[in-house]
Amino acid sequence: MPRKLILAGWIAMSTACSVWAAASRYPITAAQVSDAIGSTGTSVSPDAVSLLSVVTASTPAPHLRVQGAERATGDQLMVRIACETPEECLPFVVSLHSSAETAARLAGLFAFGAPVHAASVVASGPMVIRNGAQAVLLLDGKHVHVQLPVVTLENGAVGQRIRVTEKDKRQTYTAVVVNSGLLQGRL
């Protein structure tokens, strides 16, 4: 008899804990993603955003940022989004239906999977990063996303491929310049 009471109590407590844990997650909405994309200077309607799965965060209003964009079809982009604070949510991908110029603008601003897709990002404008500058290298693999502090070995304009090295100079990478402090590479 005591075993049954202990078991019943344990089941009731575990059910209550799982309900409490589920309640502490908040769904991320298309409007929040639209706002994050809008912070890049490109406004899109929440109706144009399709979340590919249910995505949750540990806070009701996480600060989201765009990590990358890749053209899927003529007017469709796959946009990679992450929480500013990694503990709030896992990175996720959304589908964005937009005009051709909006798709081209976002794909040009953010190229994830750099060596494969960097051809869509054309080097343009003045040098934004100089030889010896410190930057962050985003390396994307099939199941991994890594951020490394690096030192540039060449000058570069947005969209240009340059060589960079780890701070201890053990490994050298080729990366695409995204902006003055951010580079994109592939594992």
C-alpha atoms as a PDB file:
ATOM      1  CA  MET A   1       0.000   0.000   0.000  1.00  0.00           C
ATOM      2  CA  PRO A   2       2.709   2.591   0.857  1.00  0.00           C
ATOM      3  CA  ARG A   3       4.429   1.800  -2.455  1.00  0.00           C
ATOM      4  CA  LYS A   4       1.268   2.668  -4.375  1.00  0.00           C
ATOM      5  CA  LEU A   5       0.931   5.949  -2.473  1.00  0.00           C
ATOM      6  CA  ILE A   6       4.568   6.849  -3.152  1.00  0.00           C
ATOM      7  CA  LEU A   7       4.178   5.957  -6.821  1.00  0.00           C
ATOM      8  CA  ALA A   8       0.932   7.962  -7.101  1.00  0.00           C
ATOM      9  CA  GLY A   9       2.600  10.940  -5.398  1.00  0.00           C
ATOM     10  CA  TRP A  10       5.612  10.702  -7.683  1.00  0.00           C
ATOM     11  CA  ILE A  11       3.398  10.602 -10.809  1.00  0.00           C
ATOM     12  CA  ALA A  12       1.347  13.583  -9.590  1.00  0.00           C
ATOM     13  CA  MET A  13       4.485  15.581  -8.814  1.00  0.00           C
ATOM     14  CA  SER A  14       6.176  14.766 -12.139  1.00  0.00           C
ATOM     15  CA  THR A  15       2.995  15.750 -14.023  1.00  0.00           C
ATOM     16  CA  ALA A  16       2.821  19.044 -12.130  1.00  0.00           C
ATOM     17  CA  CYS A  17       6.505  19.715 -12.818  1.00  0.00           C
ATOM     18  CA  SER A  18       6.127  19.021 -16.532  1.00  0.00           C
ATOM     19  CA  VAL A  19       3.102  21.343 -16.716  1.00  0.00           C
ATOM     20  CA  TRP A  20       5.080  24.022 -14.856  1.00  0.00           C
ATOM     21  CA  ALA A  21       8.101  23.524 -17.159  1.00  0.00           C
ATOM     22  CA  ALA A  22       5.923  23.766 -20.259  1.00  0.00           C
ATOM     23  CA  ALA A  23       4.352  26.961 -18.935  1.00  0.00           C
ATOM     24  CA  SER A  24       7.777  28.570 -18.524  1.00  0.00           C
ATOM     25  CA  ARG A  25       8.372  28.516 -22.317  1.00  0.00           C
ATOM     26  CA  TYR A  26       6.916  31.179 -24.572  1.00  0.00           C
ATOM     27  CA  PRO A  27       6.242  30.700 -28.292  1.00  0.00           C
ATOM     28  CA  ILE A  28       8.148  32.954 -30.670  1.00  0.00           C
ATOM     29  CA  THR A  29       5.765  34.633 -33.106  1.00  0.00           C
ATOM     30  CA  ALA A  30       5.992  35.707 -36.743  1.00  0.00           C
ATOM     31  CA  ALA A  31       5.626  39.319 -35.545  1.00  0.00           C
ATOM     32  CA  GLN A  32       8.742  38.978 -33.356  1.00  0.00           C
ATOM     33  CA  VAL A  33      10.676  37.530 -36.300  1.00  0.00           C
ATOM     34  CA  SER A  34       9.368  40.319 -38.553  1.00  0.00           C
ATOM     35  CA  ASP A  35      10.649  42.888 -36.027  1.00  0.00           C
ATOM     36  CA  ALA A  36      14.077  41.198 -35.962  1.00  0.00           C
ATOM     37  CA  ILE A  37      14.293  41.311 -39.756  1.00  0.00           C
ATOM     38  CA  GLY A  38      13.117  44.935 -39.643  1.00  0.00           C
ATOM     39  CA  SER A  39      16.068  45.795 -37.390  1.00  0.00           C
ATOM     40  CA  THR A  40      18.341  45.062 -40.385  1.00  0.00           C
ATOM     41  CA  GLY A  41      16.715  47.931 -42.268  1.00  0.00           C
ATOM     42  CA  THR A  42      14.451  45.690 -44.335  1.00  0.00           C
ATOM     43  CA  SER A  43      10.804  45.788 -43.309  1.00  0.00           C
ATOM     44  CA  VAL A  44       8.658  42.711 -43.844  1.00  0.00           C
ATOM     45  CA  SER A  45       5.114  41.907 -42.838  1.00  0.00           C
ATOM     46  CA  PRO A  46       4.522  39.198 -40.220  1.00  0.00           C
ATOM     47  CA  ASP A  47       2.257  37.575 -42.834  1.00  0.00           C
ATOM     48  CA  ALA A  48       5.349  36.995 -45.022  1.00  0.00           C
ATOM     49  CA  VAL A  49       7.059  34.987 -42.228  1.00  0.00           C
ATOM     50  CA  SER A  50       6.421  31.244 -41.929  1.00  0.00           C
ATOM     51  CA  LEU A  51       7.783  29.490 -38.871  1.00  0.00           C
ATOM     52  CA  LEU A  52       8.732  25.975 -39.937  1.00  0.00           C
ATOM     53  CA  SER A  53       8.089  24.541 -36.469  1.00  0.00           C
ATOM     54  CA  VAL A  54       6.993  25.673 -33.029  1.00  0.00           C
ATOM     55  CA  VAL A  55       9.860  27.674 -31.551  1.00  0.00           C
ATOM     56  CA  THR A  56       9.913  28.715 -27.900  1.00  0.00           C
ATOM     57  CA  ALA A  57      11.986  30.966 -25.681  1.00  0.00           C
ATOM     58  CA  SER A  58      12.528  31.140 -21.955  1.00  0.00           C
ATOM     59  CA  THR A  59      11.290  34.765 -21.870  1.00  0.00           C
ATOM     60  CA  PRO A  60       8.104  36.234 -23.346  1.00  0.00           C
ATOM     61  CA  ALA A  61       9.924  38.850 -25.458  1.00  0.00           C
ATOM     62  CA  PRO A  62      13.392  37.593 -26.428  1.00  0.00           C
ATOM     63  CA  HIS A  63      15.675  39.913 -28.395  1.00  0.00           C
ATOM     64  CA  LEU A  64      16.042  38.153 -31.750  1.00  0.00           C
ATOM     65  CA  ARG A  65      18.704  38.799 -34.383  1.00  0.00           C
ATOM     66  CA  VAL A  66      19.157  37.689 -37.969  1.00  0.00           C
ATOM     67  CA  GLN A  67      22.180  35.425 -38.443  1.00  0.00           C
ATOM     68  CA  GLY A  68      21.850  34.625 -42.110  1.00  0.00           C
ATOM     69  CA  ALA A  69      19.657  34.504 -45.167  1.00  0.00           C
ATOM     70  CA  GLU A  70      19.752  32.261 -48.183  1.00  0.00           C
ATOM     71  CA  ARG A  71      17.578  32.399 -51.291  1.00  0.00           C
ATOM     72  CA  ALA A  72      15.456  29.261 -51.641  1.00  0.00           C
ATOM     73  CA  THR A  73      13.386  30.241 -54.694  1.00  0.00           C
ATOM     74  CA  GLY A  74      12.707  33.481 -56.563  1.00  0.00           C
ATOM     75  CA  ASP A  75      10.766  35.217 -53.811  1.00  0.00           C
ATOM     76  CA  GLN A  76      11.423  32.874 -50.878  1.00  0.00           C
ATOM     77  CA  LEU A  77      14.303  33.141 -48.423  1.00  0.00           C
ATOM     78  CA  MET A  78      15.342  30.843 -45.622  1.00  0.00           C
ATOM     79  CA  VAL A  79      16.327  33.170 -42.760  1.00  0.00           C
ATOM     80  CA  ARG A  80      18.322  31.992 -39.760  1.00  0.00           C
ATOM     81  CA  ILE A  81      17.299  33.660 -36.475  1.00  0.00           C
ATOM     82  CA  ALA A  82      18.822  33.397 -33.004  1.00  0.00           C
ATOM     83  CA  CYS A  83      18.202  34.920 -29.607  1.00  0.00           C
ATOM     84  CA  GLU A  84      20.680  37.621 -28.606  1.00  0.00           C
ATOM     85  CA  THR A  85      21.172  35.657 -25.385  1.00  0.00           C
ATOM     86  CA  PRO A  86      21.792  32.000 -26.358  1.00  0.00           C
ATOM     87  CA  GLU A  87      20.192  30.725 -23.132  1.00  0.00           C
ATOM     88  CA  GLU A  88      16.811  32.126 -24.211  1.00  0.00           C
ATOM     89  CA  CYS A  89      16.326  29.989 -27.328  1.00  0.00           C
ATOM     90  CA  LEU A  90      18.014  27.761 -29.873  1.00  0.00           C
ATOM     91  CA  PRO A  91      18.754  29.179 -33.347  1.00  0.00           C
ATOM     92  CA  PHE A  92      16.001  28.431 -35.866  1.00  0.00           C
ATOM     93  CA  VAL A  93      15.133  28.952 -39.521  1.00  0.00           C
ATOM     94  CA  VAL A  94      12.022  30.611 -40.955  1.00  0.00           C
ATOM     95  CA  SER A  95      10.726  30.877 -44.488  1.00  0.00           C
ATOM     96  CA  LEU A  96      10.222  34.429 -45.741  1.00  0.00           C
ATOM     97  CA  HIS A  97       8.107  35.252 -48.796  1.00  0.00           C
ATOM     98  CA  SER A  98       9.021  38.702 -50.062  1.00  0.00           C
ATOM     99  CA  SER A  99       9.588  40.806 -53.134  1.00  0.00           C
ATOM    100  CA  ALA A 100      12.601  39.997 -55.290  1.00  0.00           C
ATOM    101  CA  GLU A 101      14.418  43.166 -54.185  1.00  0.00           C
ATOM    102  CA  THR A 102      13.829  42.432 -50.479  1.00  0.00           C
ATOM    103  CA  ALA A 103      15.069  38.860 -51.007  1.00  0.00           C
ATOM    104  CA  ALA A 104      18.170  40.112 -52.826  1.00  0.00           C
ATOM    105  CA  ARG A 105      18.852  42.724 -50.126  1.00  0.00           C
ATOM    106  CA  LEU A 106      18.642  40.242 -47.250  1.00  0.00           C
ATOM    107  CA  ALA A 107      20.619  37.565 -49.093  1.00  0.00           C
ATOM    108  CA  GLY A 108      23.288  40.197 -49.750  1.00  0.00           C
ATOM    109  CA  LEU A 109      23.401  41.344 -46.132  1.00  0.00           C
ATOM    110  CA  PHE A 110      23.627  37.874 -44.655  1.00  0.00           C
ATOM    111  CA  ALA A 111      25.175  34.873 -46.349  1.00  0.00           C
ATOM    112  CA  PHE A 112      25.267  31.732 -44.253  1.00  0.00           C
ATOM    113  CA  GLY A 113      27.201  28.770 -45.563  1.00  0.00           C
ATOM    114  CA  ALA A 114      29.730  31.246 -46.974  1.00  0.00           C
ATOM    115  CA  PRO A 115      31.969  29.297 -49.358  1.00  0.00           C
ATOM    116  CA  VAL A 116      29.020  27.632 -51.052  1.00  0.00           C
ATOM    117  CA  HIS A 117      26.722  30.652 -51.210  1.00  0.00           C
ATOM    118  CA  ALA A 118      29.204  33.517 -51.175  1.00  0.00           C
ATOM    119  CA  ALA A 119      28.906  33.892 -54.952  1.00  0.00           C
ATOM    120  CA  SER A 120      25.590  35.655 -54.323  1.00  0.00           C
ATOM    121  CA  VAL A 121      27.409  38.213 -52.159  1.00  0.00           C
ATOM    122  CA  VAL A 122      29.507  40.380 -54.441  1.00  0.00           C
ATOM    123  CA  ALA A 123      32.429  42.310 -52.977  1.00  0.00           C
ATOM    124  CA  SER A 124      31.563  45.965 -53.113  1.00  0.00           C
ATOM    125  CA  GLY A 125      32.558  49.289 -51.691  1.00  0.00           C
ATOM    126  CA  PRO A 126      35.478  50.315 -49.557  1.00  0.00           C
ATOM    127  CA  MET A 127      37.556  48.082 -47.327  1.00  0.00           C
ATOM    128  CA  VAL A 128      35.616  47.613 -44.090  1.00  0.00           C
ATOM    129  CA  ILE A 129      38.130  45.380 -42.349  1.00  0.00           C
ATOM    130  CA  ARG A 130      41.903  45.793 -42.239  1.00  0.00           C
ATOM    131  CA  ASN A 131      44.800  43.366 -41.921  1.00  0.00           C
ATOM    132  CA  GLY A 132      45.399  42.626 -38.228  1.00  0.00           C
ATOM    133  CA  ALA A 133      41.902  43.588 -37.097  1.00  0.00           C
ATOM    134  CA  GLN A 134      40.089  41.458 -34.549  1.00  0.00           C
ATOM    135  CA  ALA A 135      36.741  40.029 -35.650  1.00  0.00           C
ATOM    136  CA  VAL A 136      34.281  37.212 -35.019  1.00  0.00           C
ATOM    137  CA  LEU A 137      34.170  34.293 -37.439  1.00  0.00           C
ATOM    138  CA  LEU A 138      30.853  32.425 -37.688  1.00  0.00           C
ATOM    139  CA  LEU A 139      31.458  28.848 -38.835  1.00  0.00           C
ATOM    140  CA  ASP A 140      28.435  26.842 -39.919  1.00  0.00           C
ATOM    141  CA  GLY A 141      28.339  23.105 -40.381  1.00  0.00           C
ATOM    142  CA  LYS A 142      25.512  20.668 -40.910  1.00  0.00           C
ATOM    143  CA  HIS A 143      24.675  20.442 -37.191  1.00  0.00           C
ATOM    144  CA  VAL A 144      27.052  22.980 -35.660  1.00  0.00           C
ATOM    145  CA  HIS A 145      27.308  26.754 -35.402  1.00  0.00           C
ATOM    146  CA  VAL A 146      30.582  28.066 -33.944  1.00  0.00           C
ATOM    147  CA  GLN A 147      31.733  31.609 -33.178  1.00  0.00           C
ATOM    148  CA  LEU A 148      35.490  32.166 -33.018  1.00  0.00           C
ATOM    149  CA  PRO A 149      37.509  35.273 -32.227  1.00  0.00           C
ATOM    150  CA  VAL A 150      39.983  35.728 -35.102  1.00  0.00           C
ATOM    151  CA  VAL A 151      42.587  38.112 -36.483  1.00  0.00           C
ATOM    152  CA  THR A 152      42.393  39.092 -40.149  1.00  0.00           C
ATOM    153  CA  LEU A 153      45.356  38.409 -42.413  1.00  0.00           C
ATOM    154  CA  GLU A 154      44.107  40.608 -45.275  1.00  0.00           C
ATOM    155  CA  ASN A 155      42.081  43.750 -45.934  1.00  0.00           C
ATOM    156  CA  GLY A 156      38.529  43.124 -47.156  1.00  0.00           C
ATOM    157  CA  ALA A 157      35.331  44.685 -48.473  1.00  0.00           C
ATOM    158  CA  VAL A 158      31.829  43.375 -47.770  1.00  0.00           C
ATOM    159  CA  GLY A 159      31.357  40.102 -49.681  1.00  0.00           C
ATOM    160  CA  GLN A 160      35.069  39.537 -50.282  1.00  0.00           C
ATOM    161  CA  ARG A 161      36.847  36.349 -49.210  1.00  0.00           C
ATOM    162  CA  ILE A 162      39.850  36.906 -46.979  1.00  0.00           C
ATOM    163  CA  ARG A 163      42.142  34.775 -44.847  1.00  0.00           C
ATOM    164  CA  VAL A 164      41.890  34.903 -41.056  1.00  0.00           C
ATOM    165  CA  THR A 165      43.624  33.072 -38.235  1.00  0.00           C
ATOM    166  CA  GLU A 166      42.826  32.090 -34.677  1.00  0.00           C
ATOM    167  CA  LYS A 167      44.390  34.344 -32.065  1.00  0.00           C
ATOM    168  CA  ASP A 168      46.969  31.660 -31.223  1.00  0.00           C
ATOM    169  CA  LYS A 169      47.677  31.275 -34.985  1.00  0.00           C
ATOM    170  CA  ARG A 170      47.199  27.486 -34.950  1.00  0.00           C
ATOM    171  CA  GLN A 171      44.493  27.436 -37.646  1.00  0.00           C
ATOM    172  CA  THR A 172      43.864  29.579 -40.739  1.00  0.00           C
ATOM    173  CA  TYR A 173      40.427  29.962 -42.376  1.00  0.00           C
ATOM    174  CA  THR A 174      39.014  31.552 -45.514  1.00  0.00           C
ATOM    175  CA  ALA A 175      35.935  33.636 -44.742  1.00  0.00           C
ATOM    176  CA  VAL A 176      33.560  36.101 -46.358  1.00  0.00           C
ATOM    177  CA  VAL A 177      33.423  39.630 -44.905  1.00  0.00           C
ATOM    178  CA  VAL A 178      29.915  40.397 -43.626  1.00  0.00           C
ATOM    179  CA  ASN A 179      30.746  43.714 -41.943  1.00  0.00           C
ATOM    180  CA  SER A 180      33.624  45.413 -40.108  1.00  0.00           C
ATOM    181  CA  GLY A 181      33.674  42.887 -37.254  1.00  0.00           C
ATOM    182  CA  LEU A 182      31.931  39.806 -38.621  1.00  0.00           C
ATOM    183  CA  LEU A 183      33.061  37.090 -41.036  1.00  0.00           C
ATOM    184  CA  GLN A 184      31.240  33.996 -42.308  1.00  0.00           C
ATOM    185  CA  GLY A 185      32.811  30.610 -43.000  1.00  0.00           C
ATOM    186  CA  ARG A 186      31.887  26.970 -43.332  1.00  0.00           C
ATOM    187  CA  LEU A 187      33.054  23.884 -41.421  1.00  0.00           C
END
